Amino acid sequence: MDSFDRAILAQLQEDAALPLNEIANRVGLSPTPCWNRIRKMEESGVISRRVAVLDAPSLGLGVTIFVSIETADHSEAWLSKFAEAVRSMPEVVDVYRMSGDVDYMMRVVVPNIDAYDDFYRRLIKSVPLKNVTSRFAMEKIKATTALPLAQSPVFKARKKTLK
């Protein structure tokens, strides 16, 4: 990967709906080599998918909750059942296995507190949990899907070899 790939990725992170000619123009390539690079990054998994980012409050989904999960059972069977349960719950938009005093962290998006209560009841019914802590977001200060490409060791390593 080189500076052209980084520039292409930056453009796609900003707006994946840009026409190919516009991306190519912005990064200093002609359309065919630009398309070949995009296709290669898709095939290698660097670009995993292209999506539209929606505004949750505009869709009536104005409540975001960060849910910390602690479990007493760290078995593979428990994890499989937990993963299956949360994957089937559309309110869960992110789930991470954590280090430290919390085992899992989820971001949940719902229209209101009643919807969260319904979600919570389904969650605690799905698998045994030691502790569930819910933190309701009051204000979104920053949210992005863009990765910090300038911090990527893939590009830093390439830059060092070019010197």
N, C-alpha and C. Protein backbone atom coordinates (compact mmCIF):
# COMPACT_ATOMS: atom_id res chain seq x y z
N MET A 1 0.84 -1.18 0.00
CA MET A 1 0.00 0.00 0.00
C MET A 1 0.88 1.24 0.00
N ASP A 2 0.46 2.26 -0.73
CA ASP A 2 1.28 3.45 -0.85
C ASP A 2 0.43 4.70 -0.63
N SER A 3 1.01 5.85 -0.94
CA SER A 3 0.32 7.12 -0.69
C SER A 3 -0.94 7.25 -1.55
N PHE A 4 -0.96 6.65 -2.74
CA PHE A 4 -2.17 6.68 -3.55
C PHE A 4 -3.30 5.89 -2.88
N ASP A 5 -2.94 4.71 -2.36
CA ASP A 5 -3.95 3.90 -1.66
C ASP A 5 -4.49 4.66 -0.44
N ARG A 6 -3.59 5.28 0.30
CA ARG A 6 -4.00 6.05 1.49
C ARG A 6 -4.94 7.18 1.08
N ALA A 7 -4.61 7.88 0.00
CA ALA A 7 -5.46 8.97 -0.48
C ALA A 7 -6.82 8.46 -0.94
N ILE A 8 -6.83 7.34 -1.62
CA ILE A 8 -8.09 6.74 -2.06
C ILE A 8 -8.94 6.37 -0.86
N LEU A 9 -8.33 5.72 0.12
CA LEU A 9 -9.06 5.33 1.32
C LEU A 9 -9.62 6.55 2.05
N ALA A 10 -8.84 7.61 2.13
CA ALA A 10 -9.31 8.84 2.78
C ALA A 10 -10.55 9.38 2.06
N GLN A 11 -10.53 9.38 0.73
CA GLN A 11 -11.68 9.86 -0.03
C GLN A 11 -12.90 8.97 0.19
N LEU A 12 -12.69 7.66 0.17
CA LEU A 12 -13.81 6.73 0.36
C LEU A 12 -14.38 6.82 1.77
N GLN A 13 -13.52 7.04 2.77
CA GLN A 13 -14.01 7.19 4.14
C GLN A 13 -14.86 8.45 4.27
N GLU A 14 -14.51 9.47 3.54
CA GLU A 14 -15.26 10.73 3.58
C GLU A 14 -16.59 10.58 2.86
N ASP A 15 -16.59 9.95 1.67
CA ASP A 15 -17.81 9.80 0.89
C ASP A 15 -17.64 8.66 -0.11
N ALA A 16 -18.14 7.50 0.24
CA ALA A 16 -17.99 6.32 -0.61
C ALA A 16 -18.85 6.40 -1.86
N ALA A 17 -19.73 7.39 -1.94
CA ALA A 17 -20.59 7.54 -3.12
C ALA A 17 -19.97 8.45 -4.18
N LEU A 18 -18.76 8.93 -3.92
CA LEU A 18 -18.10 9.76 -4.93
C LEU A 18 -17.93 8.98 -6.23
N PRO A 19 -18.16 9.63 -7.36
CA PRO A 19 -17.92 8.95 -8.64
C PRO A 19 -16.43 8.61 -8.78
N LEU A 20 -16.14 7.53 -9.45
CA LEU A 20 -14.76 7.09 -9.65
C LEU A 20 -13.90 8.19 -10.25
N ASN A 21 -14.43 8.89 -11.24
CA ASN A 21 -13.65 9.96 -11.87
C ASN A 21 -13.25 11.04 -10.86
N GLU A 22 -14.13 11.35 -9.93
CA GLU A 22 -13.84 12.37 -8.92
C GLU A 22 -12.76 11.87 -7.95
N ILE A 23 -12.87 10.63 -7.52
CA ILE A 23 -11.84 10.06 -6.63
C ILE A 23 -10.49 10.09 -7.34
N ALA A 24 -10.47 9.59 -8.57
CA ALA A 24 -9.23 9.55 -9.35
C ALA A 24 -8.62 10.94 -9.49
N ASN A 25 -9.44 11.92 -9.80
CA ASN A 25 -8.97 13.30 -9.95
C ASN A 25 -8.38 13.83 -8.64
N ARG A 26 -9.06 13.57 -7.53
CA ARG A 26 -8.62 14.07 -6.23
C ARG A 26 -7.30 13.45 -5.78
N VAL A 27 -7.04 12.21 -6.17
CA VAL A 27 -5.81 11.54 -5.72
C VAL A 27 -4.70 11.58 -6.76
N GLY A 28 -4.99 12.11 -7.94
CA GLY A 28 -3.95 12.26 -8.95
C GLY A 28 -3.69 11.02 -9.79
N LEU A 29 -4.73 10.24 -10.02
CA LEU A 29 -4.63 9.06 -10.87
C LEU A 29 -5.67 9.15 -11.98
N SER A 30 -5.47 8.35 -13.01
CA SER A 30 -6.53 8.23 -14.01
C SER A 30 -7.53 7.18 -13.48
N PRO A 31 -8.75 7.16 -14.03
CA PRO A 31 -9.79 6.27 -13.48
C PRO A 31 -9.44 4.78 -13.45
N THR A 32 -8.83 4.25 -14.48
CA THR A 32 -8.57 2.81 -14.52
C THR A 32 -7.61 2.36 -13.41
N PRO A 33 -6.44 2.99 -13.24
CA PRO A 33 -5.58 2.57 -12.13
C PRO A 33 -6.23 2.80 -10.77
N CYS A 34 -7.02 3.86 -10.66
CA CYS A 34 -7.72 4.12 -9.40
C CYS A 34 -8.71 2.99 -9.11
N TRP A 35 -9.49 2.60 -10.11
CA TRP A 35 -10.45 1.50 -9.94
C TRP A 35 -9.73 0.19 -9.61
N ASN A 36 -8.61 -0.07 -10.27
CA ASN A 36 -7.85 -1.29 -9.99
C ASN A 36 -7.38 -1.33 -8.54
N ARG A 37 -6.95 -0.19 -8.02
CA ARG A 37 -6.51 -0.12 -6.62
C ARG A 37 -7.69 -0.35 -5.67
N ILE A 38 -8.82 0.26 -5.96
CA ILE A 38 -10.01 0.08 -5.12
C ILE A 38 -10.41 -1.39 -5.12
N ARG A 39 -10.48 -1.98 -6.30
CA ARG A 39 -10.85 -3.40 -6.41
C ARG A 39 -9.88 -4.29 -5.64
N LYS A 40 -8.58 -4.00 -5.76
CA LYS A 40 -7.57 -4.79 -5.05
C LYS A 40 -7.75 -4.66 -3.53
N MET A 41 -8.06 -3.44 -3.06
CA MET A 41 -8.26 -3.25 -1.62
C MET A 41 -9.55 -3.93 -1.15
N GLU A 42 -10.55 -4.01 -2.00
CA GLU A 42 -11.77 -4.75 -1.65
C GLU A 42 -11.49 -6.25 -1.59
N GLU A 43 -10.77 -6.76 -2.57
CA GLU A 43 -10.46 -8.18 -2.61
C GLU A 43 -9.59 -8.62 -1.44
N SER A 44 -8.69 -7.75 -1.00
CA SER A 44 -7.80 -8.09 0.12
C SER A 44 -8.45 -7.88 1.48
N GLY A 45 -9.63 -7.25 1.51
CA GLY A 45 -10.33 -7.03 2.76
C GLY A 45 -10.01 -5.70 3.43
N VAL A 46 -9.11 -4.91 2.86
CA VAL A 46 -8.85 -3.58 3.43
C VAL A 46 -10.13 -2.76 3.40
N ILE A 47 -10.85 -2.80 2.30
CA ILE A 47 -12.19 -2.21 2.22
C ILE A 47 -13.16 -3.36 2.42
N SER A 48 -13.81 -3.39 3.58
CA SER A 48 -14.69 -4.53 3.87
C SER A 48 -16.09 -4.33 3.30
N ARG A 49 -16.53 -3.09 3.17
CA ARG A 49 -17.83 -2.81 2.56
C ARG A 49 -18.01 -1.30 2.45
N ARG A 50 -18.97 -0.89 1.65
CA ARG A 50 -19.30 0.53 1.51
C ARG A 50 -20.76 0.69 1.90
N VAL A 51 -21.02 1.60 2.83
CA VAL A 51 -22.36 1.75 3.37
C VAL A 51 -22.75 3.23 3.45
N ALA A 52 -24.03 3.48 3.66
CA ALA A 52 -24.52 4.82 3.96
C ALA A 52 -24.58 4.97 5.48
N VAL A 53 -24.11 6.07 5.99
CA VAL A 53 -24.18 6.35 7.42
C VAL A 53 -25.45 7.16 7.65
N LEU A 54 -26.34 6.62 8.46
CA LEU A 54 -27.65 7.23 8.69
C LEU A 54 -27.65 8.05 9.97
N ASP A 55 -28.54 9.03 10.03
CA ASP A 55 -28.70 9.87 11.21
C ASP A 55 -29.79 9.26 12.09
N ALA A 56 -29.38 8.64 13.20
CA ALA A 56 -30.32 7.91 14.05
C ALA A 56 -31.47 8.79 14.57
N PRO A 57 -31.20 9.98 15.13
CA PRO A 57 -32.33 10.78 15.61
C PRO A 57 -33.35 11.14 14.52
N SER A 58 -32.89 11.35 13.29
CA SER A 58 -33.82 11.65 12.19
C SER A 58 -34.75 10.48 11.91
N LEU A 59 -34.32 9.29 12.30
CA LEU A 59 -35.12 8.09 12.09
C LEU A 59 -35.89 7.68 13.35
N GLY A 60 -35.89 8.56 14.35
CA GLY A 60 -36.60 8.27 15.59
C GLY A 60 -35.84 7.34 16.51
N LEU A 61 -34.54 7.19 16.29
CA LEU A 61 -33.71 6.32 17.13
C LEU A 61 -32.74 7.20 17.92
N GLY A 62 -33.28 8.01 18.82
CA GLY A 62 -32.51 9.05 19.48
C GLY A 62 -31.87 8.68 20.80
N VAL A 63 -31.99 7.44 21.25
CA VAL A 63 -31.41 7.05 22.53
C VAL A 63 -30.26 6.07 22.29
N THR A 64 -29.07 6.45 22.74
CA THR A 64 -27.89 5.59 22.65
C THR A 64 -27.47 5.20 24.05
N ILE A 65 -27.24 3.92 24.24
CA ILE A 65 -26.86 3.39 25.54
C ILE A 65 -25.59 2.57 25.38
N PHE A 66 -24.64 2.79 26.28
CA PHE A 66 -23.44 1.97 26.35
C PHE A 66 -23.66 0.98 27.48
N VAL A 67 -23.60 -0.29 27.14
CA VAL A 67 -23.95 -1.35 28.09
C VAL A 67 -22.70 -2.16 28.40
N SER A 68 -22.33 -2.18 29.68
CA SER A 68 -21.20 -2.99 30.15
C SER A 68 -21.74 -4.30 30.67
N ILE A 69 -21.11 -5.40 30.25
CA ILE A 69 -21.53 -6.74 30.63
C ILE A 69 -20.40 -7.41 31.39
N GLU A 70 -20.74 -8.00 32.52
CA GLU A 70 -19.82 -8.88 33.23
C GLU A 70 -20.48 -10.25 33.30
N THR A 71 -19.66 -11.27 33.09
CA THR A 71 -20.16 -12.64 33.17
C THR A 71 -19.31 -13.44 34.15
N ALA A 72 -19.92 -14.42 34.77
CA ALA A 72 -19.18 -15.32 35.63
C ALA A 72 -18.71 -16.55 34.85
N ASP A 73 -19.23 -16.71 33.64
CA ASP A 73 -18.92 -17.87 32.82
C ASP A 73 -18.11 -17.42 31.60
N HIS A 74 -16.87 -17.87 31.51
CA HIS A 74 -16.00 -17.48 30.40
C HIS A 74 -15.75 -18.65 29.44
N SER A 75 -16.70 -19.57 29.40
CA SER A 75 -16.54 -20.74 28.54
C SER A 75 -16.84 -20.40 27.08
N GLU A 76 -16.34 -21.24 26.20
CA GLU A 76 -16.60 -21.08 24.77
C GLU A 76 -18.10 -21.23 24.48
N ALA A 77 -18.77 -22.14 25.19
CA ALA A 77 -20.20 -22.35 24.99
C ALA A 77 -20.99 -21.09 25.36
N TRP A 78 -20.63 -20.47 26.49
CA TRP A 78 -21.31 -19.24 26.89
C TRP A 78 -21.09 -18.14 25.86
N LEU A 79 -19.84 -17.97 25.43
CA LEU A 79 -19.52 -16.93 24.45
C LEU A 79 -20.29 -17.15 23.15
N SER A 80 -20.39 -18.37 22.69
CA SER A 80 -21.13 -18.66 21.46
C SER A 80 -22.60 -18.28 21.61
N LYS A 81 -23.19 -18.64 22.74
CA LYS A 81 -24.60 -18.32 22.98
C LYS A 81 -24.80 -16.81 23.10
N PHE A 82 -23.90 -16.13 23.79
CA PHE A 82 -23.97 -14.68 23.94
C PHE A 82 -23.84 -14.00 22.58
N ALA A 83 -22.84 -14.41 21.80
CA ALA A 83 -22.61 -13.81 20.48
C ALA A 83 -23.83 -14.01 19.57
N GLU A 84 -24.39 -15.20 19.60
CA GLU A 84 -25.58 -15.48 18.79
C GLU A 84 -26.74 -14.58 19.22
N ALA A 85 -26.91 -14.41 20.53
CA ALA A 85 -28.01 -13.60 21.04
C ALA A 85 -27.86 -12.14 20.62
N VAL A 86 -26.68 -11.55 20.82
CA VAL A 86 -26.53 -10.13 20.50
C VAL A 86 -26.53 -9.87 18.99
N ARG A 87 -26.05 -10.84 18.21
CA ARG A 87 -26.11 -10.67 16.75
C ARG A 87 -27.55 -10.65 16.25
N SER A 88 -28.44 -11.30 16.97
CA SER A 88 -29.84 -11.36 16.55
C SER A 88 -30.64 -10.14 17.03
N MET A 89 -30.03 -9.28 17.82
CA MET A 89 -30.73 -8.10 18.35
C MET A 89 -30.33 -6.87 17.55
N PRO A 90 -31.21 -6.36 16.70
CA PRO A 90 -30.84 -5.25 15.82
C PRO A 90 -30.50 -3.96 16.57
N GLU A 91 -30.93 -3.83 17.80
CA GLU A 91 -30.62 -2.63 18.59
C GLU A 91 -29.13 -2.53 18.91
N VAL A 92 -28.45 -3.68 18.93
CA VAL A 92 -27.03 -3.71 19.24
C VAL A 92 -26.27 -3.36 17.96
N VAL A 93 -25.58 -2.23 17.98
CA VAL A 93 -24.84 -1.81 16.79
C VAL A 93 -23.34 -2.08 16.89
N ASP A 94 -22.82 -2.23 18.10
CA ASP A 94 -21.42 -2.59 18.32
C ASP A 94 -21.32 -3.47 19.56
N VAL A 95 -20.42 -4.45 19.51
CA VAL A 95 -20.10 -5.28 20.69
C VAL A 95 -18.60 -5.54 20.67
N TYR A 96 -17.97 -5.36 21.81
CA TYR A 96 -16.54 -5.62 21.94
C TYR A 96 -16.29 -6.47 23.18
N ARG A 97 -15.37 -7.43 23.05
CA ARG A 97 -14.86 -8.16 24.21
C ARG A 97 -13.74 -7.30 24.76
N MET A 98 -13.76 -7.07 26.08
CA MET A 98 -12.88 -6.10 26.70
C MET A 98 -11.86 -6.76 27.63
N SER A 99 -10.83 -6.01 27.96
CA SER A 99 -9.95 -6.40 29.05
C SER A 99 -10.34 -5.56 30.25
N GLY A 100 -9.89 -5.96 31.43
CA GLY A 100 -10.20 -5.18 32.63
C GLY A 100 -11.40 -5.72 33.36
N ASP A 101 -12.09 -4.84 34.08
CA ASP A 101 -13.17 -5.27 34.96
C ASP A 101 -14.51 -5.50 34.25
N VAL A 102 -14.60 -5.12 32.98
CA VAL A 102 -15.81 -5.36 32.19
C VAL A 102 -15.46 -6.37 31.11
N ASP A 103 -16.32 -7.35 30.91
CA ASP A 103 -16.05 -8.40 29.93
C ASP A 103 -16.45 -8.00 28.51
N TYR A 104 -17.60 -7.32 28.36
CA TYR A 104 -18.11 -6.94 27.04
C TYR A 104 -18.69 -5.53 27.14
N MET A 105 -18.54 -4.79 26.05
CA MET A 105 -19.13 -3.45 25.95
C MET A 105 -19.95 -3.41 24.68
N MET A 106 -21.18 -2.90 24.81
CA MET A 106 -22.08 -2.81 23.66
C MET A 106 -22.56 -1.38 23.51
N ARG A 107 -22.82 -1.02 22.27
CA ARG A 107 -23.52 0.23 21.99
C ARG A 107 -24.87 -0.17 21.43
N VAL A 108 -25.91 0.36 22.06
CA VAL A 108 -27.29 0.01 21.72
C VAL A 108 -28.02 1.29 21.31
N VAL A 109 -28.80 1.22 20.25
CA VAL A 109 -29.56 2.37 19.77
C VAL A 109 -31.03 1.99 19.72
N VAL A 110 -31.85 2.81 20.38
CA VAL A 110 -33.30 2.55 20.46
C VAL A 110 -34.06 3.87 20.37
N PRO A 111 -35.38 3.80 20.16
CA PRO A 111 -36.15 5.04 20.08
C PRO A 111 -36.43 5.70 21.44
N ASN A 112 -36.53 4.88 22.50
CA ASN A 112 -36.92 5.44 23.80
C ASN A 112 -36.57 4.47 24.93
N ILE A 113 -36.81 4.90 26.14
CA ILE A 113 -36.46 4.09 27.32
C ILE A 113 -37.28 2.80 27.37
N ASP A 114 -38.55 2.85 26.98
CA ASP A 114 -39.37 1.63 26.97
C ASP A 114 -38.77 0.58 26.02
N ALA A 115 -38.27 1.03 24.88
CA ALA A 115 -37.65 0.10 23.93
C ALA A 115 -36.37 -0.48 24.52
N TYR A 116 -35.63 0.34 25.27
CA TYR A 116 -34.42 -0.18 25.92
C TYR A 116 -34.80 -1.21 26.98
N ASP A 117 -35.86 -0.95 27.73
CA ASP A 117 -36.29 -1.90 28.75
C ASP A 117 -36.66 -3.24 28.11
N ASP A 118 -37.34 -3.19 26.98
CA ASP A 118 -37.67 -4.42 26.25
C ASP A 118 -36.39 -5.15 25.82
N PHE A 119 -35.44 -4.40 25.26
CA PHE A 119 -34.16 -4.98 24.87
C PHE A 119 -33.46 -5.61 26.07
N TYR A 120 -33.39 -4.88 27.17
CA TYR A 120 -32.72 -5.36 28.39
C TYR A 120 -33.33 -6.68 28.87
N ARG A 121 -34.65 -6.76 28.87
CA ARG A 121 -35.32 -7.99 29.32
C ARG A 121 -34.98 -9.17 28.40
N ARG A 122 -34.93 -8.92 27.10
CA ARG A 122 -34.55 -9.99 26.17
C ARG A 122 -33.09 -10.40 26.38
N LEU A 123 -32.22 -9.43 26.62
CA LEU A 123 -30.81 -9.71 26.84
C LEU A 123 -30.60 -10.59 28.07
N ILE A 124 -31.18 -10.20 29.19
CA ILE A 124 -30.93 -10.97 30.42
C ILE A 124 -31.60 -12.34 30.39
N LYS A 125 -32.59 -12.50 29.52
CA LYS A 125 -33.23 -13.81 29.35
C LYS A 125 -32.39 -14.73 28.46
N SER A 126 -31.55 -14.14 27.60
CA SER A 126 -30.84 -14.93 26.59
C SER A 126 -29.66 -15.72 27.14
N VAL A 127 -28.92 -15.17 28.08
CA VAL A 127 -27.76 -15.85 28.67
C VAL A 127 -27.60 -15.38 30.12
N PRO A 128 -27.00 -16.22 30.96
CA PRO A 128 -26.76 -15.78 32.35
C PRO A 128 -25.68 -14.69 32.37
N LEU A 129 -25.97 -13.60 33.09
CA LEU A 129 -25.04 -12.49 33.21
C LEU A 129 -24.80 -12.17 34.68
N LYS A 130 -23.59 -11.81 35.02
CA LYS A 130 -23.25 -11.44 36.40
C LYS A 130 -23.70 -10.01 36.70
N ASN A 131 -23.43 -9.10 35.75
CA ASN A 131 -23.77 -7.70 35.97
C ASN A 131 -23.98 -7.00 34.62
N VAL A 132 -24.98 -6.14 34.57
CA VAL A 132 -25.25 -5.33 33.39
C VAL A 132 -25.34 -3.88 33.86
N THR A 133 -24.51 -3.02 33.30
CA THR A 133 -24.54 -1.60 33.64
C THR A 133 -24.84 -0.80 32.39
N SER A 134 -25.85 0.04 32.47
CA SER A 134 -26.27 0.84 31.33
C SER A 134 -25.92 2.30 31.56
N ARG A 135 -25.30 2.90 30.54
CA ARG A 135 -24.96 4.32 30.60
C ARG A 135 -25.61 4.98 29.38
N PHE A 136 -26.49 5.94 29.65
CA PHE A 136 -27.23 6.60 28.59
C PHE A 136 -26.45 7.82 28.10
N ALA A 137 -26.25 7.90 26.79
CA ALA A 137 -25.54 9.04 26.21
C ALA A 137 -26.43 10.27 26.26
N MET A 138 -25.87 11.37 26.73
CA MET A 138 -26.61 12.62 26.82
C MET A 138 -26.39 13.49 25.57
N GLU A 139 -25.18 13.42 25.01
CA GLU A 139 -24.85 14.24 23.85
C GLU A 139 -23.75 13.56 23.07
N LYS A 140 -23.88 13.59 21.75
CA LYS A 140 -22.83 13.05 20.89
C LYS A 140 -21.87 14.20 20.57
N ILE A 141 -20.63 14.07 20.98
CA ILE A 141 -19.65 15.12 20.76
C ILE A 141 -18.86 14.85 19.49
N LYS A 142 -18.52 13.60 19.27
CA LYS A 142 -17.82 13.22 18.05
C LYS A 142 -18.23 11.80 17.70
N ALA A 143 -18.46 11.59 16.43
CA ALA A 143 -18.72 10.24 15.94
C ALA A 143 -18.20 10.19 14.51
N THR A 144 -17.41 9.19 14.22
CA THR A 144 -16.89 9.03 12.87
C THR A 144 -16.72 7.55 12.58
N THR A 145 -16.80 7.22 11.33
CA THR A 145 -16.47 5.87 10.90
C THR A 145 -15.08 5.85 10.27
N ALA A 146 -14.47 7.02 10.12
CA ALA A 146 -13.16 7.13 9.47
C ALA A 146 -12.05 6.68 10.41
N LEU A 147 -11.20 5.80 9.91
CA LEU A 147 -10.04 5.36 10.68
C LEU A 147 -8.90 6.38 10.53
N PRO A 148 -8.04 6.50 11.54
CA PRO A 148 -6.92 7.45 11.48
C PRO A 148 -5.78 6.91 10.61
N LEU A 149 -5.90 7.07 9.32
CA LEU A 149 -4.94 6.49 8.38
C LEU A 149 -3.52 6.97 8.61
N ALA A 150 -3.35 8.20 9.06
CA ALA A 150 -2.00 8.73 9.31
C ALA A 150 -1.31 7.96 10.43
N GLN A 151 -2.08 7.30 11.29
CA GLN A 151 -1.51 6.52 12.40
C GLN A 151 -1.26 5.06 12.03
N SER A 152 -1.68 4.65 10.87
CA SER A 152 -1.57 3.25 10.47
C SER A 152 -0.11 2.85 10.26
N PRO A 153 0.34 1.78 10.92
CA PRO A 153 1.70 1.31 10.70
C PRO A 153 1.92 0.80 9.27
N VAL A 154 0.85 0.46 8.57
CA VAL A 154 0.98 0.03 7.18
C VAL A 154 1.57 1.16 6.35
N PHE A 155 1.07 2.36 6.54
CA PHE A 155 1.57 3.50 5.78
C PHE A 155 2.86 4.04 6.35
N LYS A 156 3.03 3.97 7.67
CA LYS A 156 4.28 4.44 8.29
C LYS A 156 5.45 3.57 7.84
N ALA A 157 5.25 2.26 7.77
CA ALA A 157 6.31 1.35 7.35
C ALA A 157 6.69 1.64 5.90
N ARG A 158 5.70 1.89 5.08
CA ARG A 158 5.95 2.18 3.66
C ARG A 158 6.73 3.48 3.53
N LYS A 159 6.37 4.48 4.31
CA LYS A 159 7.03 5.78 4.25
C LYS A 159 8.52 5.64 4.60
N LYS A 160 8.85 4.82 5.60
CA LYS A 160 10.24 4.61 6.02
C LYS A 160 11.05 3.94 4.91
N THR A 161 10.43 3.02 4.19
CA THR A 161 11.17 2.32 3.14
C THR A 161 11.42 3.20 1.92
N LEU A 162 10.65 4.27 1.78
CA LEU A 162 10.81 5.17 0.65
C LEU A 162 11.94 6.17 0.86
N LYS A 163 12.40 6.35 2.09
CA LYS A 163 13.43 7.35 2.38
C LYS A 163 14.78 6.95 1.88
